[in-house]
N, C-alpha and C. Protein backbone atom coordinates (compact mmCIF):
# COMPACT_ATOMS: atom_id res chain seq x y z
N MET A 1 -41.95 25.57 5.37
CA MET A 1 -41.34 24.47 5.60
C MET A 1 -39.87 24.04 4.90
N HIS A 2 -40.01 24.54 3.32
CA HIS A 2 -38.92 24.37 2.58
C HIS A 2 -37.81 25.20 3.26
N VAL A 3 -37.92 26.33 3.82
CA VAL A 3 -36.96 27.08 4.28
C VAL A 3 -36.21 26.52 5.40
N GLY A 4 -36.78 25.61 6.23
CA GLY A 4 -36.42 25.30 7.57
C GLY A 4 -35.58 23.98 7.15
N SER A 5 -35.90 23.22 6.11
CA SER A 5 -35.11 22.01 5.67
C SER A 5 -33.91 22.45 4.88
N GLU A 6 -34.03 23.60 4.06
CA GLU A 6 -32.70 24.24 3.32
C GLU A 6 -31.63 24.76 4.79
N GLN A 7 -32.32 25.33 5.63
CA GLN A 7 -31.50 25.93 6.82
C GLN A 7 -30.69 24.59 7.17
N ALA A 8 -31.20 23.56 7.79
CA ALA A 8 -30.78 22.25 8.32
C ALA A 8 -30.03 21.79 7.52
N GLU A 9 -29.96 21.61 6.07
CA GLU A 9 -28.83 21.06 5.37
C GLU A 9 -27.71 21.93 5.38
N ARG A 10 -27.74 23.11 5.32
CA ARG A 10 -26.55 24.19 5.33
C ARG A 10 -25.86 23.81 6.79
N GLY A 11 -26.84 23.70 8.08
CA GLY A 11 -26.17 23.36 9.18
C GLY A 11 -25.39 21.93 9.18
N ILE A 12 -25.89 20.99 8.47
CA ILE A 12 -25.62 19.59 8.48
C ILE A 12 -24.19 19.82 7.85
N SER A 13 -24.04 20.64 6.40
CA SER A 13 -23.14 20.53 5.66
C SER A 13 -21.67 21.22 6.11
N ALA A 14 -22.33 22.33 6.80
CA ALA A 14 -21.17 23.36 7.74
C ALA A 14 -20.58 22.29 8.95
N LEU A 15 -21.39 21.22 9.67
CA LEU A 15 -20.89 20.62 10.76
C LEU A 15 -19.82 19.55 10.03
N VAL A 16 -20.16 19.05 8.99
CA VAL A 16 -19.53 17.98 8.19
C VAL A 16 -18.15 18.55 7.83
N GLY A 17 -18.23 19.87 7.15
CA GLY A 17 -17.11 20.70 7.12
C GLY A 17 -16.11 20.98 8.35
N ARG A 18 -16.89 21.42 8.84
CA ARG A 18 -16.00 21.50 10.53
C ARG A 18 -15.77 20.23 11.11
N MET A 19 -16.05 19.14 10.81
CA MET A 19 -15.59 17.79 11.25
C MET A 19 -14.38 17.37 10.36
N ALA A 20 -14.48 17.44 9.28
CA ALA A 20 -13.39 17.22 7.81
C ALA A 20 -12.03 18.29 8.37
N ASP A 21 -12.35 19.55 8.90
CA ASP A 21 -11.43 20.44 9.16
C ASP A 21 -10.75 19.91 10.38
N GLY A 22 -11.55 19.73 11.45
CA GLY A 22 -10.72 19.11 12.34
C GLY A 22 -9.81 17.86 12.58
N PHE A 23 -10.50 17.02 11.64
CA PHE A 23 -9.99 15.74 11.53
C PHE A 23 -8.43 15.88 10.44
N SER A 24 -8.50 16.75 9.80
CA SER A 24 -7.62 17.04 9.14
C SER A 24 -6.48 17.81 9.97
N ARG A 25 -6.77 18.67 10.73
CA ARG A 25 -5.88 19.16 11.51
C ARG A 25 -5.31 18.45 12.55
N LEU A 26 -6.19 17.35 12.97
CA LEU A 26 -5.80 16.26 14.01
C LEU A 26 -4.47 15.61 13.27
N VAL A 27 -4.61 15.11 12.19
CA VAL A 27 -3.73 14.20 11.33
C VAL A 27 -2.24 15.16 10.93
N THR A 28 -2.58 16.35 10.85
CA THR A 28 -1.62 16.94 10.52
C THR A 28 -0.71 17.56 11.81
N GLN A 29 -1.19 17.54 12.97
CA GLN A 29 -0.52 17.68 14.17
C GLN A 29 -0.03 16.45 14.67
N HIS A 30 -0.64 15.27 14.22
CA HIS A 30 0.02 14.06 14.73
C HIS A 30 1.50 13.81 13.67
N LEU A 31 1.39 14.36 12.65
CA LEU A 31 2.66 13.93 11.70
C LEU A 31 3.62 15.21 12.09
N GLN A 32 3.31 16.26 12.63
CA GLN A 32 4.35 17.51 12.93
C GLN A 32 4.91 16.59 14.28
N LEU A 33 3.87 16.18 15.29
CA LEU A 33 4.38 15.62 16.47
C LEU A 33 5.44 14.54 16.18
N ALA A 34 5.12 13.72 15.17
CA ALA A 34 5.97 12.51 14.88
C ALA A 34 7.20 12.89 14.37
N ARG A 35 7.27 14.12 13.81
CA ARG A 35 8.52 14.27 12.77
C ARG A 35 9.42 15.08 13.87
N MET A 36 8.76 16.15 15.00
CA MET A 36 9.38 16.44 15.95
C MET A 36 10.18 15.52 16.70
N GLU A 37 9.60 14.60 17.33
CA GLU A 37 10.00 13.69 18.10
C GLU A 37 11.40 12.66 17.55
N LEU A 38 10.82 12.68 16.11
CA LEU A 38 11.81 11.37 15.38
C LEU A 38 13.35 12.26 15.46
N ALA A 39 13.14 13.43 14.87
CA ALA A 39 14.40 14.40 14.98
C ALA A 39 15.01 14.47 16.31
N GLU A 40 14.16 14.61 17.48
CA GLU A 40 14.88 14.76 18.33
C GLU A 40 15.48 13.49 19.29
N ASP A 41 14.80 12.48 18.91
CA ASP A 41 15.47 11.18 19.16
C ASP A 41 16.61 10.77 18.50
N VAL A 42 16.65 11.17 17.27
CA VAL A 42 17.87 11.09 16.13
C VAL A 42 18.80 11.94 16.85
N LYS A 43 18.77 12.93 16.88
CA LYS A 43 19.63 14.22 17.55
C LYS A 43 20.16 13.60 18.74
N ALA A 44 19.68 13.15 19.73
CA ALA A 44 20.25 12.71 21.11
C ALA A 44 20.82 11.34 20.80
N THR A 45 20.23 10.42 20.05
CA THR A 45 20.88 9.18 19.76
C THR A 45 22.42 9.36 19.03
N GLY A 46 22.28 10.32 18.33
CA GLY A 46 23.52 10.75 17.20
C GLY A 46 24.90 11.49 18.10
N LEU A 47 24.30 12.15 19.24
CA LEU A 47 25.08 13.02 20.03
C LEU A 47 25.72 11.99 20.93
N ASP A 48 24.96 10.96 21.65
CA ASP A 48 25.66 9.75 22.35
C ASP A 48 26.66 9.27 21.56
N VAL A 49 26.17 8.67 20.34
CA VAL A 49 27.33 7.84 19.76
C VAL A 49 28.57 8.65 19.20
N ALA A 50 28.32 10.10 18.93
CA ALA A 50 29.45 10.59 18.77
C ALA A 50 30.43 10.86 19.98
N MET A 51 29.84 10.91 21.19
CA MET A 51 30.61 10.73 22.33
C MET A 51 31.46 9.74 22.58
N ILE A 52 30.69 8.56 22.39
CA ILE A 52 31.32 7.18 22.47
C ILE A 52 32.58 7.13 21.55
N VAL A 53 32.40 7.33 20.18
CA VAL A 53 33.38 7.04 19.28
C VAL A 53 34.43 8.18 19.72
N ALA A 54 34.32 9.24 20.04
CA ALA A 54 35.38 10.31 20.71
C ALA A 54 36.10 9.63 21.60
N PHE A 55 35.45 8.67 22.57
CA PHE A 55 36.09 8.45 23.82
C PHE A 55 36.83 6.78 23.67
N VAL A 56 36.69 6.09 22.47
CA VAL A 56 37.00 4.90 22.49
C VAL A 56 38.43 4.76 22.20
N PRO A 57 39.03 5.52 21.42
CA PRO A 57 40.81 5.49 21.53
C PRO A 57 41.37 5.51 22.71
N PHE A 58 40.76 6.23 23.60
CA PHE A 58 41.49 6.31 25.03
C PHE A 58 41.44 5.11 25.88
N ILE A 59 39.99 4.77 25.81
CA ILE A 59 39.44 3.67 26.43
C ILE A 59 40.78 2.46 26.09
N LEU A 60 40.83 2.18 24.75
CA LEU A 60 41.24 1.16 24.13
C LEU A 60 42.96 1.37 24.56
N VAL A 61 43.69 2.00 24.60
CA VAL A 61 44.97 2.31 24.91
C VAL A 61 45.17 2.23 26.50
N GLY A 62 44.48 2.86 27.35
CA GLY A 62 44.11 2.71 28.70
C GLY A 62 44.16 1.08 28.99
N TYR A 63 43.04 0.54 28.35
CA TYR A 63 42.69 -0.75 28.77
C TYR A 63 43.91 -1.71 28.34
N GLY A 64 44.57 -1.68 27.12
CA GLY A 64 45.76 -2.45 26.77
C GLY A 64 46.86 -2.41 27.80
N PHE A 65 47.08 -1.17 28.28
CA PHE A 65 48.39 -1.13 29.16
C PHE A 65 47.90 -1.96 30.39
N VAL A 66 46.65 -1.82 31.11
CA VAL A 66 46.10 -2.40 32.15
C VAL A 66 46.35 -3.74 31.94
N CYS A 67 45.71 -4.39 30.81
CA CYS A 67 45.79 -5.72 30.61
C CYS A 67 47.30 -6.37 30.66
N ALA A 68 48.17 -5.46 30.05
CA ALA A 68 49.70 -5.76 29.94
C ALA A 68 50.28 -5.75 31.33
N ALA A 69 49.99 -4.89 32.17
CA ALA A 69 50.28 -5.22 33.58
C ALA A 69 49.90 -6.09 34.33
N LEU A 70 48.71 -6.48 34.24
CA LEU A 70 47.87 -7.36 35.10
C LEU A 70 48.44 -8.64 34.57
N ALA A 71 49.03 -8.92 33.00
CA ALA A 71 49.45 -10.30 32.64
C ALA A 71 50.97 -10.43 33.25
N ALA A 72 51.59 -9.30 33.22
CA ALA A 72 53.09 -9.36 33.76
C ALA A 72 52.98 -9.65 35.45
N TRP A 73 52.16 -9.34 36.05
CA TRP A 73 51.90 -9.48 37.48
C TRP A 73 51.63 -10.91 37.74
N LEU A 74 50.54 -11.40 36.81
CA LEU A 74 50.17 -12.83 37.04
C LEU A 74 51.09 -13.83 36.38
N SER A 75 52.05 -13.33 35.72
CA SER A 75 53.29 -14.38 35.06
C SER A 75 54.14 -15.06 36.02
N THR A 76 54.25 -14.18 37.12
CA THR A 76 54.94 -15.00 38.15
C THR A 76 54.39 -15.79 38.58
N TRP A 77 52.94 -16.24 38.77
CA TRP A 77 52.54 -17.37 39.34
C TRP A 77 52.16 -18.51 38.36
N LEU A 78 51.92 -17.99 37.20
CA LEU A 78 50.83 -18.60 36.20
C LEU A 78 51.68 -18.89 35.20
N GLY A 79 52.97 -18.17 34.63
CA GLY A 79 53.68 -17.91 33.53
C GLY A 79 52.74 -17.11 32.41
N TRP A 80 53.82 -17.08 31.52
CA TRP A 80 53.28 -16.23 30.42
C TRP A 80 51.88 -16.63 29.82
N PRO A 81 52.14 -17.92 29.20
CA PRO A 81 50.75 -18.49 28.71
C PRO A 81 49.38 -18.61 29.79
N GLY A 82 49.48 -19.03 30.89
CA GLY A 82 48.62 -18.74 31.80
C GLY A 82 48.18 -17.46 32.03
N ALA A 83 48.83 -16.49 32.28
CA ALA A 83 48.47 -15.19 32.54
C ALA A 83 47.85 -14.55 31.49
N LEU A 84 48.48 -14.84 30.12
CA LEU A 84 48.09 -14.13 29.10
C LEU A 84 46.36 -14.85 28.41
N ALA A 85 46.18 -16.04 28.74
CA ALA A 85 45.02 -16.80 28.85
C ALA A 85 43.92 -16.50 29.75
N GLY A 86 44.26 -16.21 31.14
CA GLY A 86 43.43 -15.81 32.11
C GLY A 86 42.95 -14.39 31.71
N ILE A 87 43.89 -13.31 31.45
CA ILE A 87 43.46 -11.98 31.27
C ILE A 87 42.38 -12.10 29.69
N GLY A 88 42.57 -13.01 28.91
CA GLY A 88 41.96 -12.94 27.55
C GLY A 88 40.55 -13.58 27.89
N LEU A 89 40.54 -14.57 28.72
CA LEU A 89 39.19 -15.16 29.21
C LEU A 89 38.43 -14.03 29.86
N LEU A 90 39.16 -13.16 30.90
CA LEU A 90 38.29 -12.38 31.70
C LEU A 90 37.70 -11.21 30.60
N ASN A 91 38.53 -10.77 29.79
CA ASN A 91 38.01 -9.72 28.54
C ASN A 91 36.97 -10.41 27.75
N LEU A 92 37.10 -11.70 27.60
CA LEU A 92 36.01 -12.18 26.57
C LEU A 92 34.62 -12.37 27.50
N VAL A 93 34.64 -12.82 28.69
CA VAL A 93 33.44 -12.89 29.56
C VAL A 93 32.73 -11.31 29.74
N GLY A 94 33.78 -10.35 29.99
CA GLY A 94 33.41 -9.10 29.90
C GLY A 94 32.70 -8.63 28.88
N GLY A 95 33.16 -8.64 27.88
CA GLY A 95 32.93 -8.07 26.45
C GLY A 95 31.47 -9.01 26.26
N VAL A 96 31.37 -9.98 26.42
CA VAL A 96 30.12 -10.57 25.73
C VAL A 96 28.80 -10.15 27.08
N GLY A 97 29.33 -10.00 28.26
CA GLY A 97 28.27 -9.52 29.24
C GLY A 97 27.69 -8.00 28.55
N GLY A 98 28.85 -7.08 28.49
CA GLY A 98 28.58 -5.57 28.08
C GLY A 98 27.93 -5.74 26.90
N ALA A 99 28.28 -6.66 26.11
CA ALA A 99 27.56 -6.69 24.43
C ALA A 99 25.84 -7.00 24.63
N MET A 100 25.80 -7.92 25.37
CA MET A 100 24.53 -8.19 25.64
C MET A 100 23.25 -7.30 26.58
N TRP A 101 24.33 -6.73 27.62
CA TRP A 101 23.62 -5.67 28.20
C TRP A 101 23.15 -4.41 27.12
N ALA A 102 23.83 -4.07 26.11
CA ALA A 102 23.71 -2.93 25.35
C ALA A 102 22.52 -3.67 24.46
N VAL A 103 22.27 -4.69 24.08
CA VAL A 103 21.37 -5.04 23.13
C VAL A 103 20.20 -5.26 23.78
N ASN A 104 20.06 -5.53 24.71
CA ASN A 104 18.77 -5.71 25.85
C ASN A 104 18.47 -4.33 26.24
N ARG A 105 19.13 -3.05 26.30
CA ARG A 105 18.91 -1.68 26.34
C ARG A 105 18.43 -1.38 25.23
N LEU A 106 19.08 -1.88 24.13
CA LEU A 106 18.36 -1.27 22.75
C LEU A 106 17.39 -1.93 22.40
N LYS A 107 17.05 -2.93 22.85
CA LYS A 107 15.62 -3.67 22.67
C LYS A 107 14.50 -2.77 23.58
N ALA A 108 14.66 -2.53 24.94
CA ALA A 108 13.79 -1.96 25.72
C ALA A 108 13.53 -0.30 25.22
N ARG A 109 14.30 0.30 24.39
CA ARG A 109 14.17 1.76 24.08
C ARG A 109 13.05 1.80 23.23
N ARG A 110 12.06 2.73 23.66
CA ARG A 110 10.63 3.06 22.64
C ARG A 110 10.85 4.03 21.90
N MET A 111 10.98 4.18 20.84
CA MET A 111 11.14 5.16 19.94
C MET A 111 9.86 5.69 19.75
N MET A 112 9.71 7.14 19.44
CA MET A 112 8.47 7.96 19.27
C MET A 112 7.36 7.58 20.35
N ASP A 113 7.58 7.22 21.36
CA ASP A 113 6.37 6.91 22.52
C ASP A 113 5.45 7.95 22.79
N ASP A 114 5.92 9.24 22.71
CA ASP A 114 4.76 10.08 23.00
C ASP A 114 3.69 10.17 21.74
N THR A 115 4.42 10.27 20.35
CA THR A 115 3.47 10.08 19.27
C THR A 115 2.95 8.73 19.39
N SER A 116 3.03 7.58 19.56
CA SER A 116 2.23 6.49 19.59
C SER A 116 1.36 6.85 20.78
N GLN A 117 1.26 7.20 21.91
CA GLN A 117 0.49 7.49 22.91
C GLN A 117 -0.90 8.30 22.16
N GLU A 118 -0.20 9.70 22.00
CA GLU A 118 -1.21 10.46 21.21
C GLU A 118 -1.92 10.01 20.18
N LEU A 119 -1.55 9.17 19.34
CA LEU A 119 -2.14 8.49 18.41
C LEU A 119 -3.19 7.59 18.64
N SER A 120 -2.81 6.86 19.78
CA SER A 120 -3.79 5.67 20.43
C SER A 120 -4.95 6.62 20.97
N LEU A 121 -4.93 7.46 21.69
CA LEU A 121 -5.71 8.38 22.22
C LEU A 121 -6.84 8.86 21.42
N SER A 122 -5.97 9.22 19.93
CA SER A 122 -7.08 9.86 18.90
C SER A 122 -7.80 8.83 18.20
N VAL A 123 -7.24 7.56 18.09
CA VAL A 123 -7.80 6.41 17.49
C VAL A 123 -9.15 5.98 18.40
N ALA A 124 -8.66 6.14 19.88
CA ALA A 124 -9.77 5.51 20.78
C ALA A 124 -10.83 6.76 20.71
N ALA A 125 -10.60 8.00 20.67
CA ALA A 125 -11.60 8.93 20.68
C ALA A 125 -12.39 8.92 19.27
N LEU A 126 -11.87 8.28 18.12
CA LEU A 126 -12.60 8.39 16.98
C LEU A 126 -13.36 7.18 16.88
N THR A 127 -12.96 5.98 17.51
CA THR A 127 -13.74 4.75 17.28
C THR A 127 -14.79 4.85 18.24
N ASN A 128 -14.61 5.37 19.48
CA ASN A 128 -15.94 5.20 20.27
C ASN A 128 -17.16 5.71 19.61
N ALA A 129 -18.17 5.10 19.72
CA ALA A 129 -19.31 5.61 19.01
C ALA A 129 -20.16 6.18 20.17
N ALA A 130 -20.95 7.31 19.83
CA ALA A 130 -21.73 7.99 20.86
C ALA A 130 -23.04 7.21 21.01
N PRO A 131 -23.33 7.23 22.49
CA PRO A 131 -24.35 6.56 22.92
C PRO A 131 -25.64 6.94 22.59
N SER A 132 -26.37 6.27 22.13
CA SER A 132 -27.86 6.64 21.68
C SER A 132 -28.57 6.87 22.92
N ALA A 133 -29.01 7.87 23.20
CA ALA A 133 -29.81 8.36 24.42
C ALA A 133 -31.17 8.91 24.08
N ALA A 134 -31.91 9.02 25.13
CA ALA A 134 -33.20 9.80 24.64
C ALA A 134 -33.15 11.13 24.70
N VAL A 135 -34.24 12.05 24.32
CA VAL A 135 -33.75 13.16 24.05
C VAL A 135 -33.33 14.07 25.14
N ASN A 136 -33.38 13.81 26.52
CA ASN A 136 -32.98 14.76 27.63
C ASN A 136 -31.54 13.63 27.89
N ALA A 137 -30.52 13.73 27.14
CA ALA A 137 -29.57 12.86 27.73
C ALA A 137 -28.87 13.40 28.85
N LEU A 138 -28.97 14.44 29.35
CA LEU A 138 -28.00 15.27 30.62
C LEU A 138 -28.88 14.82 31.97
N GLN A 139 -29.94 14.38 31.69
CA GLN A 139 -30.86 14.02 33.15
C GLN A 139 -30.44 12.73 33.82
N GLY A 140 -29.92 12.87 34.93
CA GLY A 140 -29.49 11.78 35.62
C GLY A 140 -28.08 11.18 35.54
N THR A 141 -27.41 12.11 34.82
CA THR A 141 -25.78 11.80 34.64
C THR A 141 -24.94 12.39 35.42
N LYS A 142 -23.64 11.94 35.54
CA LYS A 142 -23.02 12.81 36.51
C LYS A 142 -22.07 14.07 35.82
N SER A 143 -22.11 15.12 36.45
CA SER A 143 -21.56 16.12 35.55
C SER A 143 -20.17 16.01 35.33
N GLU A 144 -19.26 15.58 36.27
CA GLU A 144 -18.09 15.46 35.80
C GLU A 144 -17.58 14.67 34.66
N ILE A 145 -18.62 13.93 34.08
CA ILE A 145 -18.34 13.47 32.70
C ILE A 145 -17.73 14.49 31.65
N PHE A 146 -18.45 15.54 31.76
CA PHE A 146 -18.74 16.65 30.61
C PHE A 146 -17.54 18.01 31.07
N LYS A 147 -16.93 17.76 32.14
CA LYS A 147 -15.95 18.69 32.37
C LYS A 147 -14.60 18.19 31.61
N GLU A 148 -13.85 19.27 31.11
CA GLU A 148 -12.60 18.87 30.29
C GLU A 148 -11.45 18.57 31.43
N PRO A 149 -10.83 17.38 31.07
CA PRO A 149 -9.64 17.35 31.90
C PRO A 149 -8.73 18.15 31.81
N PRO A 150 -7.71 18.00 33.38
CA PRO A 150 -6.73 19.10 33.39
C PRO A 150 -5.71 19.40 32.48
N HIS A 151 -5.47 18.37 31.51
CA HIS A 151 -4.53 18.34 30.60
C HIS A 151 -5.20 18.88 29.38
N GLY A 152 -6.21 19.11 29.29
CA GLY A 152 -6.77 19.82 28.00
C GLY A 152 -7.24 19.01 26.75
N ARG A 153 -7.25 17.54 26.99
CA ARG A 153 -7.72 16.76 26.01
C ARG A 153 -8.81 16.27 26.20
């Protein structure tokens, strides 16, 4: 009898060791995913910002010329002060609207979305307790429950 309990203790300690290894690997993979996703998000955002910065001077020069031409055209009906005020007000409204749109878009962006989803799935899997069942747990259950999902998780 002593031999059987020793073998059971080794089996349990081996299972606990494998579970600890699996948990360690899971945490390591989550950290790797987070690092890779963060690097990808930073790279994409940096490239977009660099492109915007490169084109801003062209936009400002062209915009200045268009505003001056529009003010000169409107000055025949409104005079120079009225034309400049009208163009300034139009620019102010457009600028505030564009800034508000950019702020709302920035608030809506979800950084590291894949990492948070994977972490939520892992936490859900780890926190769900195994159901306490009778000795013959498979009897009367649906076999679909025990099939691996198509995405391998």
